[in-house]
Amino acid sequence: MITYLEKLAALICRYMTLWVIVASAIAFVNPAPFKLVGPYISYLLGVIMLGMGLTMSLKDFRLVLTRPKDVFYGVTFRYLIMPLAGFGVAKLLGLPPALAAGMVLLGAAPSGTGSNVMTYIAKGDTALSITVSSVNTILAPVLTPYIFLLLAGSMIPIDVTVLLIDIVKIVLIPVTVGVALHMAAPNLVEKIIKIVPAVSVVFIITILSSVVALNAAKMATVALVLCLAVILQNILGLTLGYYSSKSVGMSPKKSRAITFEIGMENSGLAVALALAHLDPMAALPAAVGAVWQYISGSILASYWSNRSPEEEEGTNKEVLLAE
């Protein structure tokens, strides 16, 4: 039975982008059933974050002590580049306040677990990716609301205290419980750990479909500019993430990890917060971003998977010598 579930889980995870697109299309055409999910989105996200906690342990934080500079740069770039990219793109395209706030919120969210998978495929520093993801997730209750307030406070009314409390309830508590369970019952967690990502994927698809359903009437009028904004923000994040990490002396393996830490957000958190505290339209950037970041991330990871970090290092040295 467990083997069958693991195979099913692998199938669900492998074609996540396809499932998201199909479910979103159905929700757009027939939104009524999917709207019913709206009030429960924060609970679904809590389960997703519990699953993330189950995959974590205290050893995921050890690089904080052994390589503090790398972790510091990764977390700093995470919370600096993407919120500013979202703010800049929103201003450049003249987005309405709700969408502009949604762009900033998406950028201010911590990185998603997909960044770890993409780093592994891209032959990057997976240990660094996991540690930076873990640290910026733990810091999210403080950093996300205050960065959002700083950049989007003039766009839309924000109660930062309530936002902070919600992130603690949705992110910090479930992740902490998950880590505690992993430490207290490692054998039990080991039996179900291959199924956990699939449960998260199903819940993410459910959340994103609900967002599409809740905004189906408005999406037709903003679809083009919304997609352009999300794609621009993501490309800026990936590009600036890579070259920022290179500029502080990180190796190609480390730079690849930081690139995905910056370019892949926890879009589910941004969706839940937008629906709970902002206009439902503010959840749209995160919904579109959830699909696009896996497309762009997969393309970049596939490219890097065929090019070893050592080869990249050699090319960089040749360029420097030529100069």
Protein backbone atom coordinates (compact mmCIF):
# COMPACT_ATOMS: atom_id res chain seq x y z
CA MET A 1 0.00 0.00 0.00
CA ILE A 2 2.80 2.40 0.97
CA THR A 3 4.67 1.64 -2.26
CA TYR A 4 1.55 2.40 -4.32
CA LEU A 5 1.04 5.71 -2.50
CA GLU A 6 4.68 6.65 -3.04
CA LYS A 7 4.36 6.01 -6.79
CA LEU A 8 1.16 8.07 -6.91
CA ALA A 9 2.87 10.83 -4.93
CA ALA A 10 5.81 10.87 -7.35
CA LEU A 11 3.38 11.17 -10.30
CA ILE A 12 1.53 14.07 -8.66
CA CYS A 13 4.75 15.95 -7.90
CA ARG A 14 6.35 15.31 -11.29
CA TYR A 15 3.49 16.93 -13.21
CA MET A 16 2.61 19.64 -10.70
CA THR A 17 2.68 22.47 -13.25
CA LEU A 18 0.30 20.58 -15.55
CA TRP A 19 -2.14 19.88 -12.70
CA VAL A 20 -2.09 23.54 -11.66
CA ILE A 21 -2.86 24.72 -15.20
CA VAL A 22 -5.67 22.18 -15.70
CA ALA A 23 -7.28 22.86 -12.32
CA SER A 24 -7.01 26.63 -12.77
CA ALA A 25 -8.62 26.43 -16.20
CA ILE A 26 -11.52 24.42 -14.79
CA ALA A 27 -11.91 26.89 -11.91
CA PHE A 28 -11.96 29.80 -14.36
CA VAL A 29 -14.71 28.21 -16.46
CA ASN A 30 -16.74 26.87 -13.52
CA PRO A 31 -15.74 28.90 -10.43
CA ALA A 32 -18.67 28.13 -8.10
CA PRO A 33 -17.39 24.85 -6.52
CA PHE A 34 -13.87 26.22 -6.05
CA LYS A 35 -15.07 29.37 -4.27
CA LEU A 36 -16.20 27.19 -1.38
CA VAL A 37 -12.53 26.55 -0.53
CA GLY A 38 -11.83 30.24 0.11
CA PRO A 39 -12.54 30.36 3.88
CA TYR A 40 -10.30 27.32 4.49
CA ILE A 41 -7.18 28.42 2.59
CA SER A 42 -5.21 29.37 5.70
CA TYR A 43 -5.88 25.91 7.18
CA LEU A 44 -4.74 24.19 3.99
CA LEU A 45 -1.57 26.26 4.02
CA GLY A 46 -1.01 25.32 7.66
CA VAL A 47 -1.03 21.65 6.63
CA ILE A 48 1.46 22.45 3.84
CA MET A 49 3.78 24.17 6.31
CA LEU A 50 3.41 21.23 8.73
CA GLY A 51 4.59 19.01 5.88
CA MET A 52 7.54 21.31 5.30
CA GLY A 53 8.39 21.05 9.00
CA LEU A 54 8.29 17.24 8.79
CA THR A 55 11.05 17.35 6.17
CA MET A 56 13.23 19.58 8.39
CA SER A 57 15.40 18.89 11.42
CA LEU A 58 17.83 20.88 13.53
CA LYS A 59 20.70 19.77 11.27
CA ASP A 60 19.17 21.92 8.51
CA PHE A 61 20.26 24.94 10.53
CA ARG A 62 23.86 23.83 11.17
CA LEU A 63 25.27 25.92 8.31
CA VAL A 64 24.22 28.99 10.29
CA LEU A 65 27.14 28.14 12.57
CA THR A 66 29.59 26.64 10.07
CA ARG A 67 28.96 29.00 7.11
CA PRO A 68 27.23 32.05 8.58
CA LYS A 69 28.34 34.42 5.81
CA ASP A 70 26.75 32.31 3.05
CA VAL A 71 23.49 32.00 4.97
CA PHE A 72 23.48 35.72 5.80
CA TYR A 73 23.90 36.68 2.15
CA GLY A 74 21.23 34.19 1.05
CA VAL A 75 18.63 35.46 3.53
CA THR A 76 19.51 39.12 2.92
CA PHE A 77 19.24 38.79 -0.85
CA ARG A 78 15.98 36.85 -0.43
CA TYR A 79 14.28 39.67 1.47
CA LEU A 80 15.90 42.52 -0.45
CA ILE A 81 15.76 41.64 -4.14
CA MET A 82 12.27 40.21 -4.67
CA PRO A 83 10.22 42.79 -2.71
CA LEU A 84 12.05 45.61 -4.52
CA ALA A 85 11.61 43.83 -7.86
CA GLY A 86 7.87 43.49 -7.20
CA PHE A 87 7.60 47.14 -6.19
CA GLY A 88 9.61 48.32 -9.21
CA VAL A 89 7.69 46.24 -11.74
CA ALA A 90 4.34 47.37 -10.26
CA LYS A 91 5.38 51.03 -10.61
CA LEU A 92 6.81 50.49 -14.10
CA LEU A 93 3.61 48.89 -15.41
CA GLY A 94 1.28 51.18 -13.46
CA LEU A 95 -0.59 48.29 -11.84
CA PRO A 96 -3.76 49.03 -9.83
CA PRO A 97 -3.18 49.19 -6.04
CA ALA A 98 -4.46 45.68 -5.26
CA LEU A 99 -2.25 44.01 -7.88
CA ALA A 100 0.73 46.19 -6.95
CA ALA A 101 0.35 45.21 -3.29
CA GLY A 102 0.08 41.56 -4.35
CA MET A 103 3.36 41.85 -6.27
CA VAL A 104 5.13 43.24 -3.19
CA LEU A 105 3.57 40.59 -0.93
CA LEU A 106 4.71 37.82 -3.26
CA GLY A 107 8.23 39.23 -3.20
CA ALA A 108 8.23 39.61 0.58
CA ALA A 109 7.23 35.97 1.17
CA PRO A 110 9.94 33.46 2.14
CA SER A 111 11.32 31.06 -0.47
CA GLY A 112 9.35 27.93 -1.28
CA THR A 113 10.44 24.30 -0.98
CA GLY A 114 10.62 24.08 -4.77
CA SER A 115 13.89 26.00 -4.54
CA ASN A 116 15.55 23.00 -2.87
CA VAL A 117 14.43 20.64 -5.63
CA MET A 118 15.59 22.98 -8.39
CA THR A 119 18.95 23.48 -6.69
CA TYR A 120 19.45 19.72 -6.53
CA ILE A 121 18.60 19.30 -10.22
CA ALA A 122 20.88 22.23 -11.14
CA LYS A 123 23.87 20.67 -9.28
CA GLY A 124 23.89 23.56 -6.85
CA ASP A 125 24.68 23.63 -3.13
CA THR A 126 21.62 21.81 -1.82
CA ALA A 127 22.68 22.05 1.84
CA LEU A 128 22.93 25.84 1.53
CA SER A 129 19.54 25.97 -0.22
CA ILE A 130 17.84 23.97 2.54
CA THR A 131 19.40 26.07 5.30
CA VAL A 132 18.52 29.40 3.67
CA SER A 133 14.95 28.19 3.05
CA SER A 134 14.64 27.09 6.67
CA VAL A 135 16.07 30.30 8.11
CA ASN A 136 14.05 32.69 5.95
CA THR A 137 10.88 30.71 6.71
CA ILE A 138 11.53 31.07 10.46
CA LEU A 139 12.21 34.81 9.99
CA ALA A 140 9.10 35.36 7.84
CA PRO A 141 6.73 36.31 10.71
CA VAL A 142 8.88 39.37 11.41
CA LEU A 143 10.39 40.28 8.05
CA THR A 144 7.47 39.67 5.67
CA PRO A 145 4.89 42.01 7.30
CA TYR A 146 7.32 44.86 7.92
CA ILE A 147 8.87 44.74 4.44
CA PHE A 148 5.35 44.66 3.02
CA LEU A 149 4.34 47.63 5.17
CA LEU A 150 7.42 49.61 4.09
CA LEU A 151 6.87 49.11 0.37
CA ALA A 152 3.10 48.68 0.05
CA GLY A 153 1.81 50.70 3.00
CA SER A 154 0.94 53.62 0.73
CA MET A 155 -0.86 51.37 -1.78
CA ILE A 156 -3.39 49.63 0.41
CA PRO A 157 -4.47 49.69 4.12
CA ILE A 158 -2.41 47.25 6.21
CA ASP A 159 -2.68 46.10 9.83
CA VAL A 160 0.87 44.82 10.26
CA THR A 161 0.25 43.34 13.72
CA VAL A 162 -2.61 41.15 12.51
CA LEU A 163 -0.51 40.18 9.48
CA LEU A 164 2.37 39.14 11.75
CA ILE A 165 0.07 37.08 14.00
CA ASP A 166 -1.39 35.29 10.98
CA ILE A 167 2.07 34.37 9.67
CA VAL A 168 2.98 32.99 13.09
CA LYS A 169 -0.18 30.85 13.06
CA ILE A 170 0.10 29.76 9.43
CA VAL A 171 3.88 29.30 9.17
CA LEU A 172 5.85 29.30 12.40
CA ILE A 173 3.62 27.09 14.57
CA PRO A 174 3.00 24.35 11.94
CA VAL A 175 6.69 24.27 10.92
CA THR A 176 7.76 24.04 14.56
CA VAL A 177 5.29 21.21 15.19
CA GLY A 178 6.58 19.42 12.09
CA VAL A 179 10.22 19.70 13.19
CA ALA A 180 9.28 18.51 16.68
CA LEU A 181 7.45 15.47 15.25
CA HIS A 182 10.44 14.70 13.02
CA MET A 183 12.70 14.70 16.08
CA ALA A 184 10.28 12.85 18.38
CA ALA A 185 9.17 10.13 15.92
CA PRO A 186 11.78 9.88 13.15
CA ASN A 187 10.82 6.31 12.18
CA LEU A 188 7.17 7.23 11.66
CA VAL A 189 8.10 10.35 9.68
CA GLU A 190 10.48 8.28 7.54
CA LYS A 191 7.59 6.03 6.50
CA ILE A 192 5.40 8.88 5.25
CA ILE A 193 7.98 11.44 4.12
CA LYS A 194 7.76 10.48 0.42
CA ILE A 195 4.00 11.05 0.46
CA VAL A 196 4.09 14.41 2.25
CA PRO A 197 5.18 16.49 -0.82
CA ALA A 198 2.25 15.13 -2.85
CA VAL A 199 -0.22 16.16 -0.13
CA SER A 200 1.32 19.64 -0.24
CA VAL A 201 1.01 19.74 -4.03
CA VAL A 202 -2.68 18.75 -3.91
CA PHE A 203 -3.38 21.46 -1.32
CA ILE A 204 -1.41 24.06 -3.32
CA ILE A 205 -3.43 23.20 -6.44
CA THR A 206 -6.64 23.51 -4.41
CA ILE A 207 -5.58 26.92 -3.06
CA LEU A 208 -4.57 28.30 -6.45
CA SER A 209 -7.76 27.05 -8.08
CA SER A 210 -9.78 28.81 -5.40
CA VAL A 211 -7.93 32.07 -6.07
CA VAL A 212 -8.70 31.80 -9.78
CA ALA A 213 -12.36 31.09 -9.00
CA LEU A 214 -12.65 34.06 -6.63
CA ASN A 215 -11.17 36.38 -9.27
CA ALA A 216 -12.55 34.79 -12.46
CA ALA A 217 -14.64 37.84 -13.38
CA LYS A 218 -11.67 40.21 -13.06
CA MET A 219 -8.95 38.03 -14.55
CA ALA A 220 -9.91 38.59 -18.17
CA THR A 221 -9.27 42.33 -17.83
CA VAL A 222 -5.83 42.05 -16.17
CA ALA A 223 -4.50 38.72 -17.44
CA LEU A 224 -1.95 40.10 -19.91
CA VAL A 225 -0.40 42.78 -17.70
CA LEU A 226 -0.52 40.45 -14.69
CA CYS A 227 1.40 37.69 -16.49
CA LEU A 228 3.93 40.23 -17.80
CA ALA A 229 4.45 41.65 -14.29
CA VAL A 230 4.96 38.24 -12.67
CA ILE A 231 7.35 37.08 -15.41
CA LEU A 232 9.40 40.28 -15.17
CA GLN A 233 9.63 40.03 -11.37
CA ASN A 234 10.70 36.39 -11.53
CA ILE A 235 13.33 36.95 -14.22
CA LEU A 236 14.70 39.93 -12.28
CA GLY A 237 14.84 37.81 -9.13
CA LEU A 238 16.67 34.91 -10.78
CA THR A 239 19.11 37.20 -12.60
CA LEU A 240 19.88 39.49 -9.67
CA GLY A 241 20.05 36.53 -7.31
CA TYR A 242 22.75 34.87 -9.40
CA TYR A 243 24.89 37.93 -10.03
CA SER A 244 24.49 39.29 -6.49
CA SER A 245 25.80 36.04 -5.04
CA LYS A 246 28.65 36.02 -7.56
CA SER A 247 29.51 39.60 -6.63
CA VAL A 248 30.16 38.61 -3.00
CA GLY A 249 32.51 35.81 -4.04
CA MET A 250 30.21 32.78 -3.95
CA SER A 251 31.14 29.75 -6.05
CA PRO A 252 28.90 28.65 -8.95
CA LYS A 253 27.35 25.90 -6.78
CA LYS A 254 26.44 28.39 -4.06
CA SER A 255 25.25 30.98 -6.60
CA ARG A 256 22.91 28.46 -8.19
CA ALA A 257 21.38 27.70 -4.79
CA ILE A 258 20.87 31.38 -3.95
CA THR A 259 19.38 32.02 -7.40
CA PHE A 260 16.53 29.59 -6.72
CA GLU A 261 16.14 30.80 -3.12
CA ILE A 262 15.36 34.24 -4.51
CA GLY A 263 13.41 33.31 -7.63
CA MET A 264 11.01 30.79 -6.05
CA GLU A 265 8.63 32.10 -3.39
CA ASN A 266 6.18 30.54 -0.98
CA SER A 267 3.28 31.63 -3.17
CA GLY A 268 0.75 29.78 -1.03
CA LEU A 269 1.55 32.01 1.93
CA ALA A 270 1.19 35.14 -0.21
CA VAL A 271 -2.19 33.88 -1.44
CA ALA A 272 -3.48 33.15 2.07
CA LEU A 273 -2.36 36.52 3.44
CA ALA A 274 -3.77 38.43 0.46
CA LEU A 275 -7.18 36.77 0.79
CA ALA A 276 -7.27 37.26 4.55
CA HIS A 277 -6.08 40.88 4.73
CA LEU A 278 -6.25 42.48 1.27
CA ASP A 279 -8.46 42.59 -1.81
CA PRO A 280 -8.89 39.08 -3.35
CA MET A 281 -7.33 40.53 -6.50
CA ALA A 282 -4.06 40.92 -4.55
CA ALA A 283 -3.78 37.12 -4.48
CA LEU A 284 -3.55 36.88 -8.26
CA PRO A 285 0.22 37.62 -8.62
CA ALA A 286 1.00 34.75 -6.24
CA ALA A 287 -1.38 32.41 -8.09
CA VAL A 288 0.24 33.18 -11.46
CA GLY A 289 3.69 33.16 -9.86
CA ALA A 290 3.16 29.64 -8.51
CA VAL A 291 2.84 28.35 -12.07
CA TRP A 292 5.45 30.53 -13.74
CA GLN A 293 8.23 30.01 -11.17
CA TYR A 294 8.11 26.26 -11.74
CA ILE A 295 8.31 26.78 -15.49
CA SER A 296 11.25 29.20 -15.33
CA GLY A 297 12.89 27.25 -12.51
CA SER A 298 12.67 23.99 -14.43
CA ILE A 299 14.15 25.55 -17.56
CA LEU A 300 17.08 27.07 -15.66
CA ALA A 301 17.67 23.94 -13.58
CA SER A 302 17.70 21.79 -16.72
CA TYR A 303 20.22 24.12 -18.37
CA TRP A 304 22.52 24.04 -15.34
CA SER A 305 22.13 20.28 -14.93
CA ASN A 306 23.93 19.87 -18.27
CA ARG A 307 26.70 22.26 -17.27
CA SER A 308 28.87 21.39 -14.30
CA PRO A 309 29.74 24.09 -11.74
CA GLU A 310 33.43 23.34 -12.36
CA GLU A 311 32.98 24.12 -16.06
CA GLU A 312 31.24 27.37 -15.16
CA GLU A 313 34.04 28.28 -12.76
CA GLY A 314 36.60 27.65 -15.49
CA THR A 315 34.71 29.85 -17.94
CA ASN A 316 34.53 32.68 -15.43
CA LYS A 317 38.26 32.52 -14.79
CA GLU A 318 38.99 32.62 -18.52
CA VAL A 319 36.85 35.76 -18.86
CA LEU A 320 38.67 37.44 -15.97
CA LEU A 321 42.08 36.57 -17.44
CA ALA A 322 41.03 37.91 -20.85
CA GLU A 323 40.05 41.18 -19.22
